[in-house]
Amino acid sequence: MNLKQLKERKAELLNQMEDMCNNFDLFNSTKFDEMKVDLEKVEKDISDFENNSVKIENVNRKESGSKMKLKELLLQNKTVDLSMINNEGEMIRPDHDEVIHESFEKTIEKRIEEECLMFGLVRKIQTKSPHALTVQAEKLERFLNVKELGAYQKAMPTYRQVVLGAEKYGLVVQLSEELVHDAAFDMEAEVQGQLVEAFAKTMEDLIINGDEDNGVEGLLMAEAEEVKVEEVNYPALIKMIHKMPKAMRNDAVFVVADEFIQDLMLMVDLNGRPIFEINAGDMVDGRFDGKLLGHKVIISPELKGDAKAIFVNLGKAMVVGLRQGMQLRRSEEVGFLQDVITLKANCRLDAKILEPKAIVKLVKEGE
């Protein structure tokens, strides 16, 4: 029987038992006891039905909550942790969904590596820890012969350490109310695209120039080797390369200002061959801007001032610490009069120089 039939049966039994109690001539103790047993069974079945209905409703609510869309959460003024949102804009459940679906935040980080080549090349440490992190700046280059503990400790060199903080950076994304409420508008893709573009520019600036006021170190802040010239020439570039220890040169790249490329266009080596090559076949995924003396080139608009080029092994030169849990929330104050919905994104990161020897600057004097 369904719930409706059970309730009807309960009402019927109660009426029969009440009639029997009101009329002594109709009262039959044996039959009354049978109806009482039947009533208890019906009430138990009704109770089971109702309890199961509550459980199903709770499960549905839980599933619905775990699969709420990013748009819905933001419109409800929730602060959203993008490490718990997948690329479809749905919340990731804590049990297994993160294995199947890549998080919104992880996709942003991968796309930033494509947009900002330097971010892809630096050493990165990603963690959910909110605390300052101590990182070994110089790594052991080889195993040591260990005969006894005392000798091993004596042979161990002292290695410098750096501390990664968690500086907060923010971005504002503005969308019209009409777009946000349009079912055909892919708000998740728009937000992700804006975050990727802005984060890539931010990281490129921080990696090169740093943020001295907040303790974020950039390549130009390092006490590195310098090659000073009045005019960019072939011997100066050779000198740059050889200023870096040989073990670090193989993976080193040139990071150059756009105006620096103009000086290189007509420059040739001792055999009359152009030292700057623009060959799509030599570029990785077409993302690098050419080759200079066999080393890949990255043209960056963030390289300004006297330093016109940096020869750097980014993987050894610096470390970038990213704290997982980029947050996105809606702000109603900004853009209220313009019918604009404003989304505020916050992230925490830091960058520190690890090895100044992996950085060589070319400085043009007399400007």
Protein backbone atom coordinates (compact mmCIF):
# COMPACT_ATOMS: atom_id res chain seq x y z
CA MET A 1 0.00 0.00 0.00
CA ASN A 2 1.08 3.56 -0.62
CA LEU A 3 1.09 6.28 2.02
CA LYS A 4 -2.38 7.50 1.13
CA GLN A 5 -3.87 4.01 1.43
CA LEU A 6 -2.13 3.45 4.76
CA LYS A 7 -3.60 6.67 6.18
CA GLU A 8 -7.04 5.73 4.93
CA ARG A 9 -6.69 2.29 6.55
CA LYS A 10 -5.61 3.93 9.82
CA ALA A 11 -8.68 6.20 9.81
CA GLU A 12 -10.91 3.23 9.07
CA LEU A 13 -9.50 1.18 11.96
CA LEU A 14 -9.80 4.09 14.38
CA ASN A 15 -13.48 4.62 13.42
CA GLN A 16 -14.30 0.92 13.84
CA MET A 17 -12.56 0.77 17.21
CA GLU A 18 -14.31 3.95 18.36
CA ASP A 19 -17.75 2.56 17.30
CA MET A 20 -17.02 -0.67 19.11
CA CYS A 21 -16.10 1.18 22.29
CA ASN A 22 -19.25 3.32 22.12
CA ASN A 23 -21.64 0.36 21.71
CA PHE A 24 -21.30 -2.34 24.37
CA ASP A 25 -23.43 -4.78 22.36
CA LEU A 26 -20.96 -4.63 19.44
CA PHE A 27 -17.82 -4.84 21.54
CA ASN A 28 -15.67 -7.94 20.90
CA SER A 29 -12.44 -8.05 22.84
CA THR A 30 -10.78 -10.56 20.48
CA LYS A 31 -11.64 -8.55 17.40
CA PHE A 32 -10.63 -5.29 19.15
CA ASP A 33 -7.20 -6.73 19.96
CA GLU A 34 -6.79 -7.81 16.32
CA MET A 35 -7.68 -4.29 15.13
CA LYS A 36 -5.25 -2.83 17.68
CA VAL A 37 -2.43 -5.02 16.33
CA ASP A 38 -3.41 -4.07 12.78
CA LEU A 39 -3.44 -0.36 13.75
CA GLU A 40 0.05 -0.57 15.27
CA LYS A 41 1.36 -2.19 12.10
CA VAL A 42 -0.26 0.50 9.91
CA GLU A 43 1.19 3.27 12.11
CA LYS A 44 4.65 1.69 11.89
CA ASP A 45 4.38 1.50 8.08
CA ILE A 46 3.31 5.15 7.95
CA SER A 47 6.25 6.12 10.20
CA ASP A 48 8.69 4.21 7.98
CA PHE A 49 7.29 5.94 4.90
CA GLU A 50 7.67 9.38 6.44
CA ASN A 51 11.19 8.74 7.78
CA ASN A 52 12.37 7.49 4.40
CA SER A 53 10.85 10.52 2.72
CA VAL A 54 12.84 12.82 5.04
CA LYS A 55 16.06 10.92 4.28
CA ILE A 56 15.48 11.14 0.53
CA GLU A 57 14.74 14.85 0.82
CA ASN A 58 17.94 15.42 2.82
CA VAL A 59 19.99 13.48 0.26
CA ASN A 60 18.44 15.47 -2.56
CA ARG A 61 19.19 18.70 -0.77
CA LYS A 62 22.77 17.62 -0.15
CA GLU A 63 23.25 16.60 -3.77
CA SER A 64 21.66 19.82 -4.94
CA GLY A 65 23.90 21.85 -2.66
CA SER A 66 27.05 20.04 -3.79
CA LYS A 67 26.18 20.64 -7.42
CA MET A 68 25.16 24.27 -7.17
CA LYS A 69 26.40 26.35 -10.07
CA LEU A 70 29.02 29.04 -9.65
CA LYS A 71 26.53 31.59 -10.95
CA GLU A 72 23.93 30.58 -8.37
CA LEU A 73 26.42 30.76 -5.51
CA LEU A 74 27.64 34.21 -6.53
CA LEU A 75 24.11 35.56 -6.98
CA GLN A 76 23.40 34.37 -3.42
CA ASN A 77 26.37 36.47 -2.26
CA LYS A 78 28.43 33.41 -1.31
CA THR A 79 32.22 33.54 -1.17
CA VAL A 80 33.36 30.77 -3.52
CA ASP A 81 36.60 28.79 -3.20
CA LEU A 82 37.56 28.17 -6.85
CA SER A 83 39.56 25.08 -5.89
CA MET A 84 36.17 23.49 -5.08
CA ILE A 85 34.50 24.43 -8.40
CA ASN A 86 34.97 22.42 -11.59
CA ASN A 87 35.15 23.79 -15.14
CA GLU A 88 31.42 23.28 -15.60
CA GLY A 89 30.90 25.74 -12.77
CA GLU A 90 29.65 23.06 -10.35
CA MET A 91 30.85 22.44 -6.81
CA ILE A 92 33.20 19.49 -6.43
CA ARG A 93 32.10 16.96 -3.86
CA PRO A 94 34.78 16.09 -1.29
CA ASP A 95 34.73 12.34 -1.99
CA HIS A 96 35.72 11.65 -5.61
CA ASP A 97 34.67 14.37 -8.04
CA GLU A 98 38.01 16.15 -7.85
CA VAL A 99 39.62 13.05 -9.39
CA ILE A 100 37.25 13.14 -12.36
CA HIS A 101 36.82 16.89 -12.87
CA GLU A 102 39.67 19.38 -12.84
CA SER A 103 39.00 22.35 -10.61
CA PHE A 104 38.28 25.84 -11.91
CA GLU A 105 41.39 27.10 -10.11
CA LYS A 106 43.66 24.37 -11.52
CA THR A 107 42.54 25.16 -15.07
CA ILE A 108 43.26 28.85 -14.49
CA GLU A 109 46.80 28.00 -13.32
CA LYS A 110 47.44 25.82 -16.39
CA ARG A 111 46.18 28.50 -18.75
CA ILE A 112 48.33 31.11 -16.99
CA GLU A 113 51.40 28.99 -17.75
CA GLU A 114 50.46 29.21 -21.43
CA GLU A 115 49.82 32.97 -21.28
CA CYS A 116 52.87 33.80 -19.16
CA LEU A 117 55.84 31.67 -20.20
CA MET A 118 57.97 32.81 -17.27
CA PHE A 119 55.33 31.57 -14.83
CA GLY A 120 55.51 28.20 -16.54
CA LEU A 121 59.30 28.07 -16.18
CA VAL A 122 59.82 29.19 -12.58
CA ARG A 123 59.91 26.78 -9.67
CA LYS A 124 56.45 26.72 -8.09
CA ILE A 125 55.24 25.57 -4.71
CA GLN A 126 51.49 25.17 -4.31
CA THR A 127 49.95 24.58 -0.91
CA LYS A 128 46.79 25.17 1.08
CA SER A 129 48.80 26.14 4.15
CA PRO A 130 48.03 29.70 5.36
CA HIS A 131 51.39 29.99 7.12
CA ALA A 132 54.76 31.32 5.95
CA LEU A 133 56.77 28.54 4.30
CA THR A 134 60.51 27.95 4.58
CA VAL A 135 62.05 26.79 1.29
CA GLN A 136 65.55 25.47 0.69
CA ALA A 137 67.12 27.90 -1.76
CA GLU A 138 70.16 25.82 -2.74
CA LYS A 139 69.82 22.10 -3.34
CA LEU A 140 72.35 19.34 -2.76
CA GLU A 141 74.09 18.69 -6.06
CA ARG A 142 75.37 15.20 -5.26
CA PHE A 143 75.30 12.39 -2.72
CA LEU A 144 78.02 12.42 -0.08
CA ASN A 145 79.99 9.44 1.09
CA VAL A 146 78.59 8.45 4.49
CA LYS A 147 80.70 6.27 6.76
CA GLU A 148 79.50 7.46 10.09
CA LEU A 149 77.08 10.08 11.32
CA GLY A 150 79.72 12.47 12.65
CA ALA A 151 81.63 12.56 9.37
CA TYR A 152 78.39 13.03 7.42
CA GLN A 153 77.31 16.00 9.50
CA LYS A 154 80.74 17.55 9.17
CA ALA A 155 80.67 17.18 5.40
CA MET A 156 77.21 18.70 5.03
CA PRO A 157 77.40 22.25 3.68
CA THR A 158 75.16 25.02 5.01
CA TYR A 159 72.28 25.83 2.68
CA ARG A 160 70.49 29.14 2.51
CA GLN A 161 66.72 29.21 3.03
CA VAL A 162 64.03 31.66 1.98
CA VAL A 163 60.61 32.25 3.50
CA LEU A 164 57.55 32.43 1.26
CA GLY A 165 54.76 34.66 2.53
CA ALA A 166 51.16 34.93 1.35
CA GLU A 167 50.60 38.42 -0.04
CA LYS A 168 47.03 39.18 -1.06
CA TYR A 169 46.22 40.43 -4.56
CA GLY A 170 42.77 41.19 -5.94
CA LEU A 171 40.93 41.75 -9.21
CA VAL A 172 37.49 43.13 -10.05
CA VAL A 173 35.41 41.60 -12.86
CA GLN A 174 32.35 43.58 -13.98
CA LEU A 175 29.40 42.06 -15.86
CA SER A 176 26.06 43.58 -16.77
CA GLU A 177 23.01 42.20 -14.97
CA GLU A 178 21.41 41.32 -18.32
CA LEU A 179 24.35 39.09 -19.26
CA VAL A 180 24.56 37.38 -15.88
CA HIS A 181 20.85 36.49 -15.91
CA ASP A 182 20.92 35.39 -19.56
CA ALA A 183 20.74 31.58 -19.59
CA ALA A 184 22.71 31.44 -22.85
CA PHE A 185 25.65 33.47 -21.47
CA ASP A 186 28.57 31.34 -20.26
CA MET A 187 29.50 33.39 -17.22
CA GLU A 188 31.99 30.79 -16.00
CA ALA A 189 34.03 30.97 -19.24
CA GLU A 190 33.99 34.78 -19.22
CA VAL A 191 35.14 34.98 -15.61
CA GLN A 192 37.82 32.35 -16.15
CA GLY A 193 39.13 34.15 -19.25
CA GLN A 194 39.40 37.49 -17.44
CA LEU A 195 41.11 35.90 -14.42
CA VAL A 196 43.65 34.12 -16.63
CA GLU A 197 44.53 37.27 -18.58
CA ALA A 198 44.84 39.45 -15.47
CA PHE A 199 46.75 36.85 -13.42
CA ALA A 200 49.19 36.26 -16.29
CA LYS A 201 50.00 39.98 -16.52
CA THR A 202 50.32 40.20 -12.74
CA MET A 203 52.73 37.26 -12.56
CA GLU A 204 54.86 38.58 -15.42
CA ASP A 205 55.20 41.93 -13.65
CA LEU A 206 55.98 40.32 -10.27
CA ILE A 207 58.51 37.87 -11.71
CA ILE A 208 60.43 40.66 -13.44
CA ASN A 209 59.94 43.68 -11.18
CA GLY A 210 58.68 42.21 -7.90
CA ASP A 211 56.73 44.22 -5.34
CA GLU A 212 59.27 45.70 -2.95
CA ASP A 213 56.66 47.27 -0.64
CA ASN A 214 55.16 43.84 0.08
CA GLY A 215 58.35 41.77 0.06
CA VAL A 216 57.76 40.05 -3.30
CA GLU A 217 61.11 39.70 -5.09
CA GLY A 218 61.58 40.06 -8.85
CA LEU A 219 64.49 39.28 -11.17
CA LEU A 220 65.56 42.92 -11.38
CA MET A 221 65.80 43.09 -7.58
CA ALA A 222 68.42 40.32 -7.44
CA GLU A 223 72.06 41.12 -6.75
CA ALA A 224 73.04 39.45 -9.98
CA GLU A 225 75.87 39.77 -12.48
CA GLU A 226 75.60 42.72 -14.84
CA VAL A 227 77.00 43.40 -18.29
CA LYS A 228 77.06 47.17 -18.88
CA VAL A 229 77.22 48.51 -22.43
CA GLU A 230 76.63 51.77 -24.22
CA GLU A 231 75.45 49.93 -27.33
CA VAL A 232 74.14 46.38 -27.59
CA ASN A 233 76.65 44.27 -29.53
CA TYR A 234 77.60 40.67 -30.20
CA PRO A 235 80.51 40.46 -27.68
CA ALA A 236 78.21 41.77 -24.92
CA LEU A 237 75.72 38.96 -25.54
CA ILE A 238 78.49 36.35 -25.48
CA LYS A 239 79.71 37.84 -22.22
CA MET A 240 76.20 37.61 -20.76
CA ILE A 241 75.98 33.91 -21.48
CA HIS A 242 79.41 33.14 -20.03
CA LYS A 243 78.75 35.14 -16.86
CA MET A 244 76.36 32.35 -15.87
CA PRO A 245 77.83 29.07 -14.52
CA LYS A 246 77.89 26.41 -17.23
CA ALA A 247 75.62 24.02 -15.33
CA MET A 248 72.81 26.57 -15.41
CA ARG A 249 73.05 27.68 -19.06
CA ASN A 250 71.26 24.83 -20.84
CA ASP A 251 67.79 25.74 -19.61
CA ALA A 252 68.36 29.50 -19.54
CA VAL A 253 66.30 31.89 -21.67
CA PHE A 254 66.60 35.51 -22.72
CA VAL A 255 63.91 37.82 -21.39
CA VAL A 256 64.11 41.01 -23.44
CA ALA A 257 62.38 44.35 -23.94
CA ASP A 258 60.67 44.92 -27.28
CA GLU A 259 63.09 47.71 -28.22
CA PHE A 260 66.00 45.33 -27.58
CA ILE A 261 64.83 43.12 -30.47
CA GLN A 262 65.22 46.05 -32.85
CA ASP A 263 68.91 46.23 -31.97
CA LEU A 264 69.29 42.53 -32.71
CA MET A 265 67.57 42.39 -36.10
CA LEU A 266 70.65 43.48 -38.07
CA MET A 267 73.23 41.93 -35.75
CA VAL A 268 75.31 39.01 -37.09
CA ASP A 269 77.90 36.65 -35.65
CA LEU A 270 81.54 36.37 -36.77
CA ASN A 271 80.45 34.27 -39.77
CA GLY A 272 77.86 36.82 -40.90
CA ARG A 273 74.84 34.80 -39.76
CA PRO A 274 71.94 36.55 -37.93
CA ILE A 275 72.21 35.88 -34.21
CA PHE A 276 68.47 36.33 -33.70
CA GLU A 277 66.39 33.60 -35.30
CA ILE A 278 62.68 33.74 -35.92
CA ASN A 279 61.86 30.20 -36.95
CA ALA A 280 58.46 28.79 -36.08
CA GLY A 281 59.86 25.26 -36.26
CA ASP A 282 62.23 25.99 -33.39
CA MET A 283 59.57 27.50 -31.13
CA VAL A 284 57.78 25.42 -28.51
CA ASP A 285 54.05 25.50 -29.37
CA GLY A 286 54.75 28.78 -31.15
CA ARG A 287 54.83 30.55 -27.79
CA PHE A 288 58.43 31.71 -27.66
CA ASP A 289 59.45 34.78 -29.64
CA GLY A 290 62.50 33.30 -31.34
CA LYS A 291 66.04 32.20 -30.49
CA LEU A 292 69.10 34.18 -29.61
CA LEU A 293 72.43 32.37 -29.84
CA GLY A 294 70.62 29.06 -29.37
CA HIS A 295 68.56 30.18 -26.35
CA LYS A 296 64.81 30.79 -26.43
CA VAL A 297 63.60 34.39 -26.25
CA ILE A 298 60.65 35.87 -24.36
CA ILE A 299 59.70 39.45 -25.21
CA SER A 300 58.14 41.15 -22.19
CA PRO A 301 56.57 44.62 -21.97
CA GLU A 302 57.25 44.55 -18.21
CA LEU A 303 61.02 44.84 -18.70
CA LYS A 304 61.60 48.59 -18.43
CA GLY A 305 64.33 50.98 -17.36
CA ASP A 306 68.05 50.50 -17.85
CA ALA A 307 67.95 46.70 -17.98
CA LYS A 308 67.26 45.76 -21.62
CA ALA A 309 67.69 42.00 -21.33
CA ILE A 310 68.01 39.27 -18.71
CA PHE A 311 69.66 35.92 -19.30
CA VAL A 312 68.07 33.67 -16.69
CA ASN A 313 67.50 30.06 -15.68
CA LEU A 314 64.05 30.64 -14.18
CA GLY A 315 63.78 27.20 -12.58
CA LYS A 316 66.88 27.86 -10.48
CA ALA A 317 66.65 31.63 -10.12
CA MET A 318 63.38 31.99 -8.22
CA VAL A 319 60.43 30.28 -6.59
CA VAL A 320 56.79 31.34 -6.68
CA GLY A 321 54.49 30.26 -3.86
CA LEU A 322 50.79 29.95 -4.65
CA ARG A 323 48.24 29.43 -1.91
CA GLN A 324 45.36 27.28 -3.18
CA GLY A 325 41.88 28.54 -2.59
CA MET A 326 41.47 31.54 -4.90
CA GLN A 327 38.26 33.21 -3.75
CA LEU A 328 35.53 34.83 -5.81
CA ARG A 329 32.61 36.76 -4.40
CA ARG A 330 29.96 39.20 -5.55
CA SER A 331 30.09 42.84 -4.54
CA GLU A 332 26.89 44.86 -4.64
CA GLU A 333 28.42 48.23 -3.78
CA VAL A 334 30.49 48.78 -6.92
CA GLY A 335 28.50 49.39 -10.09
CA PHE A 336 25.11 49.54 -8.37
CA LEU A 337 23.97 52.66 -10.24
CA GLN A 338 25.14 51.26 -13.58
CA ASP A 339 23.24 47.94 -13.22
CA VAL A 340 26.59 46.14 -13.14
CA ILE A 341 27.32 43.00 -11.12
CA THR A 342 30.86 43.12 -9.76
CA LEU A 343 32.84 40.01 -8.88
CA LYS A 344 35.92 40.35 -6.70
CA ALA A 345 38.66 37.72 -6.96
CA ASN A 346 41.37 37.34 -4.31
CA CYS A 347 44.49 35.21 -4.34
CA ARG A 348 47.59 34.90 -2.15
CA LEU A 349 51.12 34.44 -3.47
CA ASP A 350 54.76 35.35 -3.04
CA ALA A 351 58.01 35.16 -5.02
CA LYS A 352 61.58 34.94 -3.79
CA ILE A 353 65.01 34.86 -5.46
CA LEU A 354 66.72 31.51 -4.91
CA GLU A 355 69.97 31.73 -6.86
CA PRO A 356 71.32 35.13 -8.05
CA LYS A 357 74.00 33.31 -10.07
CA ALA A 358 71.24 32.09 -12.39
CA ILE A 359 70.51 35.70 -13.42
CA VAL A 360 72.60 37.95 -15.68
CA LYS A 361 71.39 41.46 -16.64
CA LEU A 362 72.32 43.52 -19.65
CA VAL A 363 72.27 47.20 -18.69
CA LYS A 364 72.42 49.92 -21.31
CA GLU A 365 74.21 52.96 -19.98
CA GLY A 366 73.96 56.59 -21.02
CA GLU A 367 70.14 56.79 -21.35
